[in-house]
Amino acid sequence: MVDKTVIRAPFSGTIGLRQVSPGAHITPTTVIATLQQLGRMKIDFTIPEENSHLIAIGRTIDVRLEGQSSDTKKATIIACGAPS
């Protein structure tokens, strides 16, 4: 029964503020806290159709986030295609 009292996430990350008090009754749908994976980020972006030949799965691109330092980060494209 003790094994059922442990909660594990499928990835490592940083946990935010808790949403329940210790000892509170919870269900499988209860939000206990938020967990953010800080090591990886997914970015959704669009480009003009005339540049679509530049995008391919597995290709590496440079990404610069607005409001962040001027440093660029490398990102690998994991999916692409026309919107449905």
PDB file of N, CA and C in Angstrom:
ATOM      1  N   MET A   1       0.820  -1.197   0.000  1.00  0.00           N
ATOM      2  CA  MET A   1       0.000   0.000   0.000  1.00  0.00           C
ATOM      3  C   MET A   1       0.867   1.265   0.000  1.00  0.00           C
ATOM      4  N   VAL A   2       2.050   1.193   0.637  1.00  0.00           N
ATOM      5  CA  VAL A   2       2.915   2.370   0.689  1.00  0.00           C
ATOM      6  C   VAL A   2       3.363   2.767  -0.717  1.00  0.00           C
ATOM      7  N   ASP A   3       3.588   1.796  -1.610  1.00  0.00           N
ATOM      8  CA  ASP A   3       3.987   2.102  -2.978  1.00  0.00           C
ATOM      9  C   ASP A   3       2.956   2.969  -3.694  1.00  0.00           C
ATOM     10  N   LYS A   4       1.690   2.861  -3.315  1.00  0.00           N
ATOM     11  CA  LYS A   4       0.638   3.641  -3.957  1.00  0.00           C
ATOM     12  C   LYS A   4       0.592   5.079  -3.454  1.00  0.00           C
ATOM     13  N   THR A   5       1.407   5.416  -2.471  1.00  0.00           N
ATOM     14  CA  THR A   5       1.422   6.790  -1.948  1.00  0.00           C
ATOM     15  C   THR A   5       2.525   7.628  -2.580  1.00  0.00           C
ATOM     16  N   VAL A   6       3.321   7.033  -3.452  1.00  0.00           N
ATOM     17  CA  VAL A   6       4.418   7.743  -4.107  1.00  0.00           C
ATOM     18  C   VAL A   6       3.973   8.160  -5.497  1.00  0.00           C
ATOM     19  N   ILE A   7       4.240   9.415  -5.841  1.00  0.00           N
ATOM     20  CA  ILE A   7       3.895   9.942  -7.164  1.00  0.00           C
ATOM     21  C   ILE A   7       5.185  10.265  -7.885  1.00  0.00           C
ATOM     22  N   ARG A   8       5.336   9.711  -9.101  1.00  0.00           N
ATOM     23  CA  ARG A   8       6.540   9.954  -9.891  1.00  0.00           C
ATOM     24  C   ARG A   8       6.139  10.492 -11.255  1.00  0.00           C
ATOM     25  N   ALA A   9       6.888  11.463 -11.729  1.00  0.00           N
ATOM     26  CA  ALA A   9       6.665  12.015 -13.063  1.00  0.00           C
ATOM     27  C   ALA A   9       7.488  11.223 -14.073  1.00  0.00           C
ATOM     28  N   PRO A  10       7.054  11.211 -15.339  1.00  0.00           N
ATOM     29  CA  PRO A  10       7.803  10.475 -16.362  1.00  0.00           C
ATOM     30  C   PRO A  10       9.051  11.197 -16.851  1.00  0.00           C
ATOM     31  N   PHE A  11       9.372  12.361 -16.264  1.00  0.00           N
ATOM     32  CA  PHE A  11      10.568  13.109 -16.633  1.00  0.00           C
ATOM     33  C   PHE A  11      11.009  13.940 -15.440  1.00  0.00           C
ATOM     34  N   SER A  12      12.273  14.378 -15.454  1.00  0.00           N
ATOM     35  CA  SER A  12      12.749  15.233 -14.373  1.00  0.00           C
ATOM     36  C   SER A  12      12.397  16.673 -14.693  1.00  0.00           C
ATOM     37  N   GLY A  13      12.268  17.484 -13.656  1.00  0.00           N
ATOM     38  CA  GLY A  13      11.905  18.873 -13.874  1.00  0.00           C
ATOM     39  C   GLY A  13      11.849  19.633 -12.563  1.00  0.00           C
ATOM     40  N   THR A  14      11.217  20.797 -12.612  1.00  0.00           N
ATOM     41  CA  THR A  14      11.072  21.650 -11.444  1.00  0.00           C
ATOM     42  C   THR A  14       9.599  21.722 -11.086  1.00  0.00           C
ATOM     43  N   ILE A  15       9.282  21.443  -9.840  1.00  0.00           N
ATOM     44  CA  ILE A  15       7.890  21.453  -9.397  1.00  0.00           C
ATOM     45  C   ILE A  15       7.516  22.844  -8.903  1.00  0.00           C
ATOM     46  N   GLY A  16       6.306  23.256  -9.234  1.00  0.00           N
ATOM     47  CA  GLY A  16       5.811  24.567  -8.829  1.00  0.00           C
ATOM     48  C   GLY A  16       5.088  24.497  -7.488  1.00  0.00           C
ATOM     49  N   LEU A  17       4.250  25.483  -7.239  1.00  0.00           N
ATOM     50  CA  LEU A  17       3.497  25.549  -5.986  1.00  0.00           C
ATOM     51  C   LEU A  17       2.484  24.421  -5.917  1.00  0.00           C
ATOM     52  N   ARG A  18       2.303  23.864  -4.760  1.00  0.00           N
ATOM     53  CA  ARG A  18       1.323  22.781  -4.603  1.00  0.00           C
ATOM     54  C   ARG A  18      -0.090  23.346  -4.614  1.00  0.00           C
ATOM     55  N   GLN A  19      -1.015  22.552  -5.095  1.00  0.00           N
ATOM     56  CA  GLN A  19      -2.418  22.944  -5.217  1.00  0.00           C
ATOM     57  C   GLN A  19      -3.306  22.285  -4.160  1.00  0.00           C
ATOM     58  N   VAL A  20      -2.736  21.373  -3.381  1.00  0.00           N
ATOM     59  CA  VAL A  20      -3.498  20.680  -2.331  1.00  0.00           C
ATOM     60  C   VAL A  20      -2.720  20.742  -1.021  1.00  0.00           C
ATOM     61  N   SER A  21      -3.420  20.582   0.071  1.00  0.00           N
ATOM     62  CA  SER A  21      -2.787  20.588   1.391  1.00  0.00           C
ATOM     63  C   SER A  21      -2.377  19.175   1.778  1.00  0.00           C
ATOM     64  N   PRO A  22      -1.338  19.035   2.608  1.00  0.00           N
ATOM     65  CA  PRO A  22      -0.953  17.701   3.077  1.00  0.00           C
ATOM     66  C   PRO A  22      -2.137  17.024   3.774  1.00  0.00           C
ATOM     67  N   GLY A  23      -2.342  15.765   3.476  1.00  0.00           N
ATOM     68  CA  GLY A  23      -3.420  15.008   4.088  1.00  0.00           C
ATOM     69  C   GLY A  23      -4.743  15.114   3.351  1.00  0.00           C
ATOM     70  N   ALA A  24      -4.826  15.954   2.323  1.00  0.00           N
ATOM     71  CA  ALA A  24      -6.070  16.118   1.574  1.00  0.00           C
ATOM     72  C   ALA A  24      -6.349  14.865   0.753  1.00  0.00           C
ATOM     73  N   HIS A  25      -7.624  14.577   0.559  1.00  0.00           N
ATOM     74  CA  HIS A  25      -8.041  13.448  -0.266  1.00  0.00           C
ATOM     75  C   HIS A  25      -7.925  13.871  -1.729  1.00  0.00           C
ATOM     76  N   ILE A  26      -7.253  13.059  -2.538  1.00  0.00           N
ATOM     77  CA  ILE A  26      -7.107  13.370  -3.955  1.00  0.00           C
ATOM     78  C   ILE A  26      -7.617  12.219  -4.802  1.00  0.00           C
ATOM     79  N   THR A  27      -7.926  12.527  -6.051  1.00  0.00           N
ATOM     80  CA  THR A  27      -8.350  11.516  -7.021  1.00  0.00           C
ATOM     81  C   THR A  27      -7.344  11.524  -8.163  1.00  0.00           C
ATOM     82  N   PRO A  28      -7.451  10.594  -9.103  1.00  0.00           N
ATOM     83  CA  PRO A  28      -6.516  10.604 -10.238  1.00  0.00           C
ATOM     84  C   PRO A  28      -6.588  11.876 -11.086  1.00  0.00           C
ATOM     85  N   THR A  29      -7.674  12.624 -10.998  1.00  0.00           N
ATOM     86  CA  THR A  29      -7.801  13.843 -11.803  1.00  0.00           C
ATOM     87  C   THR A  29      -7.431  15.111 -11.027  1.00  0.00           C
ATOM     88  N   THR A  30      -7.060  14.986  -9.768  1.00  0.00           N
ATOM     89  CA  THR A  30      -6.701  16.149  -8.957  1.00  0.00           C
ATOM     90  C   THR A  30      -5.342  16.698  -9.379  1.00  0.00           C
ATOM     91  N   VAL A  31      -5.279  18.014  -9.615  1.00  0.00           N
ATOM     92  CA  VAL A  31      -4.004  18.663  -9.909  1.00  0.00           C
ATOM     93  C   VAL A  31      -3.300  18.895  -8.581  1.00  0.00           C
ATOM     94  N   ILE A  32      -2.152  18.268  -8.396  1.00  0.00           N
ATOM     95  CA  ILE A  32      -1.406  18.390  -7.143  1.00  0.00           C
ATOM     96  C   ILE A  32      -0.447  19.567  -7.224  1.00  0.00           C
ATOM     97  N   ALA A  33       0.263  19.670  -8.319  1.00  0.00           N
ATOM     98  CA  ALA A  33       1.208  20.763  -8.563  1.00  0.00           C
ATOM     99  C   ALA A  33       1.566  20.731 -10.043  1.00  0.00           C
ATOM    100  N   THR A  34       2.223  21.769 -10.507  1.00  0.00           N
ATOM    101  CA  THR A  34       2.698  21.770 -11.887  1.00  0.00           C
ATOM    102  C   THR A  34       4.163  21.346 -11.904  1.00  0.00           C
ATOM    103  N   LEU A  35       4.553  20.712 -12.981  1.00  0.00           N
ATOM    104  CA  LEU A  35       5.925  20.252 -13.144  1.00  0.00           C
ATOM    105  C   LEU A  35       6.397  20.696 -14.517  1.00  0.00           C
ATOM    106  N   GLN A  36       7.480  21.441 -14.558  1.00  0.00           N
ATOM    107  CA  GLN A  36       8.004  21.911 -15.831  1.00  0.00           C
ATOM    108  C   GLN A  36       9.322  21.242 -16.139  1.00  0.00           C
ATOM    109  N   GLN A  37       9.419  20.754 -17.368  1.00  0.00           N
ATOM    110  CA  GLN A  37      10.664  20.170 -17.849  1.00  0.00           C
ATOM    111  C   GLN A  37      11.486  21.324 -18.417  1.00  0.00           C
ATOM    112  N   LEU A  38      12.597  21.626 -17.782  1.00  0.00           N
ATOM    113  CA  LEU A  38      13.380  22.791 -18.154  1.00  0.00           C
ATOM    114  C   LEU A  38      14.461  22.495 -19.180  1.00  0.00           C
ATOM    115  N   GLY A  39      14.811  21.249 -19.340  1.00  0.00           N
ATOM    116  CA  GLY A  39      15.896  20.903 -20.235  1.00  0.00           C
ATOM    117  C   GLY A  39      15.526  20.930 -21.703  1.00  0.00           C
ATOM    118  N   ARG A  40      14.250  20.735 -22.024  1.00  0.00           N
ATOM    119  CA  ARG A  40      13.811  20.705 -23.412  1.00  0.00           C
ATOM    120  C   ARG A  40      12.637  21.649 -23.587  1.00  0.00           C
ATOM    121  N   MET A  41      12.542  22.205 -24.766  1.00  0.00           N
ATOM    122  CA  MET A  41      11.453  23.126 -25.062  1.00  0.00           C
ATOM    123  C   MET A  41      10.914  22.785 -26.444  1.00  0.00           C
ATOM    124  N   LYS A  42       9.597  22.871 -26.598  1.00  0.00           N
ATOM    125  CA  LYS A  42       8.998  22.677 -27.917  1.00  0.00           C
ATOM    126  C   LYS A  42       8.557  24.037 -28.434  1.00  0.00           C
ATOM    127  N   ILE A  43       8.859  24.305 -29.679  1.00  0.00           N
ATOM    128  CA  ILE A  43       8.538  25.586 -30.294  1.00  0.00           C
ATOM    129  C   ILE A  43       7.682  25.325 -31.523  1.00  0.00           C
ATOM    130  N   ASP A  44       6.565  26.027 -31.606  1.00  0.00           N
ATOM    131  CA  ASP A  44       5.674  25.929 -32.755  1.00  0.00           C
ATOM    132  C   ASP A  44       5.840  27.218 -33.554  1.00  0.00           C
ATOM    133  N   PHE A  45       6.181  27.107 -34.823  1.00  0.00           N
ATOM    134  CA  PHE A  45       6.405  28.315 -35.620  1.00  0.00           C
ATOM    135  C   PHE A  45       5.894  28.109 -37.041  1.00  0.00           C
ATOM    136  N   THR A  46       5.679  29.210 -37.725  1.00  0.00           N
ATOM    137  CA  THR A  46       5.261  29.161 -39.116  1.00  0.00           C
ATOM    138  C   THR A  46       6.273  29.936 -39.964  1.00  0.00           C
ATOM    139  N   ILE A  47       6.343  29.552 -41.228  1.00  0.00           N
ATOM    140  CA  ILE A  47       7.219  30.252 -42.178  1.00  0.00           C
ATOM    141  C   ILE A  47       6.438  30.455 -43.469  1.00  0.00           C
ATOM    142  N   PRO A  48       6.836  31.401 -44.291  1.00  0.00           N
ATOM    143  CA  PRO A  48       6.178  31.575 -45.592  1.00  0.00           C
ATOM    144  C   PRO A  48       6.365  30.321 -46.461  1.00  0.00           C
ATOM    145  N   GLU A  49       5.379  30.044 -47.300  1.00  0.00           N
ATOM    146  CA  GLU A  49       5.427  28.850 -48.143  1.00  0.00           C
ATOM    147  C   GLU A  49       6.656  28.817 -49.045  1.00  0.00           C
ATOM    148  N   GLU A  50       7.105  29.979 -49.524  1.00  0.00           N
ATOM    149  CA  GLU A  50       8.269  29.984 -50.424  1.00  0.00           C
ATOM    150  C   GLU A  50       9.553  29.541 -49.723  1.00  0.00           C
ATOM    151  N   ASN A  51       9.555  29.488 -48.373  1.00  0.00           N
ATOM    152  CA  ASN A  51      10.726  29.019 -47.621  1.00  0.00           C
ATOM    153  C   ASN A  51      10.557  27.582 -47.109  1.00  0.00           C
ATOM    154  N   SER A  52       9.467  26.924 -47.481  1.00  0.00           N
ATOM    155  CA  SER A  52       9.182  25.589 -46.944  1.00  0.00           C
ATOM    156  C   SER A  52      10.257  24.563 -47.315  1.00  0.00           C
ATOM    157  N   HIS A  53      10.968  24.782 -48.395  1.00  0.00           N
ATOM    158  CA  HIS A  53      12.038  23.853 -48.791  1.00  0.00           C
ATOM    159  C   HIS A  53      13.210  23.862 -47.796  1.00  0.00           C
ATOM    160  N   LEU A  54      13.268  24.872 -46.934  1.00  0.00           N
ATOM    161  CA  LEU A  54      14.351  24.972 -45.948  1.00  0.00           C
ATOM    162  C   LEU A  54      14.103  24.121 -44.705  1.00  0.00           C
ATOM    163  N   ILE A  55      12.875  23.628 -44.540  1.00  0.00           N
ATOM    164  CA  ILE A  55      12.475  22.905 -43.330  1.00  0.00           C
ATOM    165  C   ILE A  55      12.366  21.415 -43.638  1.00  0.00           C
ATOM    166  N   ALA A  56      13.011  20.591 -42.811  1.00  0.00           N
ATOM    167  CA  ALA A  56      12.924  19.137 -42.951  1.00  0.00           C
ATOM    168  C   ALA A  56      13.150  18.501 -41.585  1.00  0.00           C
ATOM    169  N   ILE A  57      12.490  17.396 -41.341  1.00  0.00           N
ATOM    170  CA  ILE A  57      12.660  16.669 -40.082  1.00  0.00           C
ATOM    171  C   ILE A  57      14.124  16.278 -39.931  1.00  0.00           C
ATOM    172  N   GLY A  58      14.665  16.539 -38.736  1.00  0.00           N
ATOM    173  CA  GLY A  58      16.057  16.229 -38.446  1.00  0.00           C
ATOM    174  C   GLY A  58      17.005  17.393 -38.679  1.00  0.00           C
ATOM    175  N   ARG A  59      16.565  18.409 -39.405  1.00  0.00           N
ATOM    176  CA  ARG A  59      17.409  19.575 -39.668  1.00  0.00           C
ATOM    177  C   ARG A  59      17.533  20.423 -38.406  1.00  0.00           C
ATOM    178  N   THR A  60      18.682  21.018 -38.202  1.00  0.00           N
ATOM    179  CA  THR A  60      18.934  21.879 -37.047  1.00  0.00           C
ATOM    180  C   THR A  60      18.734  23.337 -37.458  1.00  0.00           C
ATOM    181  N   ILE A  61      18.064  24.092 -36.591  1.00  0.00           N
ATOM    182  CA  ILE A  61      17.856  25.515 -36.838  1.00  0.00           C
ATOM    183  C   ILE A  61      18.330  26.312 -35.632  1.00  0.00           C
ATOM    184  N   ASP A  62      18.580  27.598 -35.829  1.00  0.00           N
ATOM    185  CA  ASP A  62      18.933  28.505 -34.731  1.00  0.00           C
ATOM    186  C   ASP A  62      17.666  29.213 -34.263  1.00  0.00           C
ATOM    187  N   VAL A  63      17.481  29.300 -32.939  1.00  0.00           N
ATOM    188  CA  VAL A  63      16.294  29.916 -32.359  1.00  0.00           C
ATOM    189  C   VAL A  63      16.728  30.999 -31.388  1.00  0.00           C
ATOM    190  N   ARG A  64      16.080  32.151 -31.481  1.00  0.00           N
ATOM    191  CA  ARG A  64      16.317  33.235 -30.526  1.00  0.00           C
ATOM    192  C   ARG A  64      14.962  33.620 -29.950  1.00  0.00           C
ATOM    193  N   LEU A  65      14.834  33.599 -28.616  1.00  0.00           N
ATOM    194  CA  LEU A  65      13.574  33.895 -27.955  1.00  0.00           C
ATOM    195  C   LEU A  65      13.449  35.381 -27.661  1.00  0.00           C
ATOM    196  N   GLU A  66      12.293  35.925 -27.958  1.00  0.00           N
ATOM    197  CA  GLU A  66      12.035  37.335 -27.686  1.00  0.00           C
ATOM    198  C   GLU A  66      12.064  37.580 -26.183  1.00  0.00           C
ATOM    199  N   GLY A  67      12.696  38.664 -25.772  1.00  0.00           N
ATOM    200  CA  GLY A  67      12.778  39.002 -24.353  1.00  0.00           C
ATOM    201  C   GLY A  67      13.931  38.327 -23.634  1.00  0.00           C
ATOM    202  N   GLN A  68      14.633  37.446 -24.309  1.00  0.00           N
ATOM    203  CA  GLN A  68      15.782  36.763 -23.723  1.00  0.00           C
ATOM    204  C   GLN A  68      17.052  37.434 -24.227  1.00  0.00           C
ATOM    205  N   SER A  69      18.169  36.909 -23.803  1.00  0.00           N
ATOM    206  CA  SER A  69      19.441  37.462 -24.281  1.00  0.00           C
ATOM    207  C   SER A  69      19.538  37.287 -25.797  1.00  0.00           C
ATOM    208  N   SER A  70      20.492  37.911 -26.388  1.00  0.00           N
ATOM    209  CA  SER A  70      20.644  37.832 -27.845  1.00  0.00           C
ATOM    210  C   SER A  70      21.271  36.515 -28.296  1.00  0.00           C
ATOM    211  N   ASP A  71      21.569  35.628 -27.360  1.00  0.00           N
ATOM    212  CA  ASP A  71      22.140  34.330 -27.713  1.00  0.00           C
ATOM    213  C   ASP A  71      21.119  33.496 -28.474  1.00  0.00           C
ATOM    214  N   THR A  72      21.603  32.713 -29.424  1.00  0.00           N
ATOM    215  CA  THR A  72      20.726  31.786 -30.128  1.00  0.00           C
ATOM    216  C   THR A  72      20.950  30.378 -29.581  1.00  0.00           C
ATOM    217  N   LYS A  73      19.942  29.571 -29.685  1.00  0.00           N
ATOM    218  CA  LYS A  73      19.981  28.169 -29.266  1.00  0.00           C
ATOM    219  C   LYS A  73      19.753  27.303 -30.486  1.00  0.00           C
ATOM    220  N   LYS A  74      20.295  26.109 -30.465  1.00  0.00           N
ATOM    221  CA  LYS A  74      20.087  25.145 -31.537  1.00  0.00           C
ATOM    222  C   LYS A  74      18.818  24.352 -31.245  1.00  0.00           C
ATOM    223  N   ALA A  75      18.049  24.068 -32.287  1.00  0.00           N
ATOM    224  CA  ALA A  75      16.841  23.263 -32.156  1.00  0.00           C
ATOM    225  C   ALA A  75      16.791  22.283 -33.313  1.00  0.00           C
ATOM    226  N   THR A  76      16.229  21.108 -33.058  1.00  0.00           N
ATOM    227  CA  THR A  76      16.085  20.094 -34.093  1.00  0.00           C
ATOM    228  C   THR A  76      14.615  19.968 -34.450  1.00  0.00           C
ATOM    229  N   ILE A  77      14.305  19.977 -35.717  1.00  0.00           N
ATOM    230  CA  ILE A  77      12.928  19.870 -36.185  1.00  0.00           C
ATOM    231  C   ILE A  77      12.484  18.406 -36.045  1.00  0.00           C
ATOM    232  N   ILE A  78      11.360  18.210 -35.316  1.00  0.00           N
ATOM    233  CA  ILE A  78      10.860  16.853 -35.092  1.00  0.00           C
ATOM    234  C   ILE A  78       9.577  16.571 -35.865  1.00  0.00           C
ATOM    235  N   ALA A  79       8.938  17.608 -36.401  1.00  0.00           N
ATOM    236  CA  ALA A  79       7.730  17.437 -37.199  1.00  0.00           C
ATOM    237  C   ALA A  79       7.555  18.651 -38.077  1.00  0.00           C
ATOM    238  N   CYS A  80       6.957  18.461 -39.235  1.00  0.00           N
ATOM    239  CA  CYS A  80       6.647  19.589 -40.104  1.00  0.00           C
ATOM    240  C   CYS A  80       5.524  19.178 -41.032  1.00  0.00           C
ATOM    241  N   GLY A  81       4.871  20.166 -41.574  1.00  0.00           N
ATOM    242  CA  GLY A  81       3.790  19.890 -42.506  1.00  0.00           C
ATOM    243  C   GLY A  81       2.820  21.039 -42.578  1.00  0.00           C
ATOM    244  N   ALA A  82       1.932  20.954 -43.521  1.00  0.00           N
ATOM    245  CA  ALA A  82       0.922  21.986 -43.696  1.00  0.00           C
ATOM    246  C   ALA A  82      -0.156  21.832 -42.637  1.00  0.00           C
ATOM    247  N   PRO A  83      -0.722  22.943 -42.140  1.00  0.00           N
ATOM    248  CA  PRO A  83      -1.796  22.860 -41.159  1.00  0.00           C
ATOM    249  C   PRO A  83      -3.029  22.213 -41.781  1.00  0.00           C
ATOM    250  N   SER A  84      -3.804  21.536 -40.951  1.00  0.00           N
ATOM    251  CA  SER A  84      -5.013  20.874 -41.471  1.00  0.00           C
ATOM    252  C   SER A  84      -6.210  21.786 -41.381  1.00  0.00           C
TER     253      SER A  84
END
